[in-house]
Amino acid sequence: MNTNRLLAAVLVLQVVTLAGQWGGHARDARADLPPDPGAQRVAQTEELKQINQSLNRLIGLMESGRVEVKVSNIKDLNSGNGNARK
């Protein structure tokens, strides 16, 4: 008996959904589109250019050999309590 009621409720919901679609009450899902996709692409390109410049500076610094690395947990690494691989 409960199964019949559940099936009837599902059927009613499906009919309401179909009626809403046929009646033209469904909204377009275009609210998530940017107002101007071309402007967004230009902004992305400019941002990528800035990231590329930053990476080129880092590469230049590494290639020059002026990078200094400091290990802050050397005592833990020496005692075996660090996360060093063996």
Protein backbone atom coordinates (compact mmCIF):
# COMPACT_ATOMS: atom_id res chain seq x y z
CA MET A 1 0.00 0.00 0.00
CA ASN A 2 2.84 2.40 0.86
CA THR A 3 4.60 1.48 -2.36
CA ASN A 4 1.58 2.49 -4.39
CA ARG A 5 1.43 5.88 -2.67
CA LEU A 6 5.13 6.45 -3.24
CA LEU A 7 4.84 5.54 -6.91
CA ALA A 8 1.83 7.83 -7.29
CA ALA A 9 3.76 10.72 -5.70
CA VAL A 10 6.71 10.16 -8.05
CA LEU A 11 4.35 10.04 -11.02
CA VAL A 12 2.70 13.32 -9.97
CA LEU A 13 6.09 15.01 -9.59
CA GLN A 14 7.16 13.83 -13.03
CA VAL A 15 3.95 15.12 -14.60
CA VAL A 16 4.43 18.51 -12.91
CA THR A 17 8.02 18.66 -14.17
CA LEU A 18 6.99 17.83 -17.74
CA ALA A 19 4.13 20.32 -17.65
CA GLY A 20 6.53 23.02 -16.49
CA GLN A 21 8.93 22.29 -19.31
CA TRP A 22 6.21 22.22 -21.97
CA GLY A 23 4.60 25.36 -20.61
CA GLY A 24 7.80 27.32 -21.08
CA HIS A 25 8.25 28.11 -17.41
CA ALA A 26 11.73 26.65 -17.32
CA ARG A 27 14.46 29.29 -17.02
CA ASP A 28 17.58 29.40 -19.15
CA ALA A 29 20.69 28.30 -17.31
CA ARG A 30 22.81 31.09 -18.78
CA ALA A 31 23.25 33.08 -15.58
CA ASP A 32 26.68 31.53 -15.03
CA LEU A 33 28.10 32.79 -18.34
CA PRO A 34 30.40 35.79 -18.10
CA PRO A 35 29.03 39.04 -19.46
CA ASP A 36 31.79 39.26 -22.05
CA PRO A 37 33.71 36.03 -22.75
CA GLY A 38 36.19 37.90 -24.99
CA ALA A 39 37.14 40.26 -22.17
CA GLN A 40 37.54 37.31 -19.83
CA ARG A 41 39.92 35.61 -22.28
CA VAL A 42 41.98 38.80 -22.59
CA ALA A 43 42.20 39.06 -18.78
CA GLN A 44 43.27 35.41 -18.56
CA THR A 45 45.94 35.96 -21.20
CA GLU A 46 47.31 38.97 -19.34
CA GLU A 47 47.39 37.01 -16.09
CA LEU A 48 49.22 34.15 -17.80
CA LYS A 49 51.78 36.61 -19.15
CA GLN A 50 52.42 37.91 -15.61
CA ILE A 51 52.80 34.36 -14.29
CA ASN A 52 55.21 33.57 -17.13
CA GLN A 53 57.32 36.63 -16.25
CA SER A 54 57.45 35.57 -12.60
CA LEU A 55 58.50 32.06 -13.58
CA ASN A 56 61.21 33.45 -15.87
CA ARG A 57 62.58 35.49 -12.95
CA LEU A 58 62.63 32.38 -10.73
CA ILE A 59 64.34 30.33 -13.44
CA GLY A 60 66.93 33.08 -13.88
CA LEU A 61 67.58 33.14 -10.14
CA MET A 62 68.03 29.37 -10.00
CA GLU A 63 70.28 29.29 -13.05
CA SER A 64 72.48 32.04 -11.58
CA GLY A 65 73.26 29.91 -8.53
CA ARG A 66 72.30 32.62 -6.04
CA VAL A 67 69.67 30.49 -4.32
CA GLU A 68 70.29 29.81 -0.64
CA VAL A 69 68.46 26.94 1.07
CA LYS A 70 68.14 26.85 4.85
CA VAL A 71 66.97 23.71 6.64
CA SER A 72 65.07 24.70 9.76
CA ASN A 73 64.54 21.22 11.23
CA ILE A 74 68.06 19.80 10.83
CA LYS A 75 68.07 18.47 14.42
CA ASP A 76 64.89 16.48 13.78
CA LEU A 77 66.32 15.11 10.54
CA ASN A 78 69.56 14.07 12.22
CA SER A 79 67.74 12.37 15.11
CA GLY A 80 65.43 10.43 12.82
CA ASN A 81 62.24 12.21 13.92
CA GLY A 82 61.81 14.18 10.68
CA ASN A 83 60.05 13.26 7.52
CA ALA A 84 63.25 12.46 5.64
CA ARG A 85 63.24 9.48 3.31
CA LYS A 86 65.74 6.75 3.90
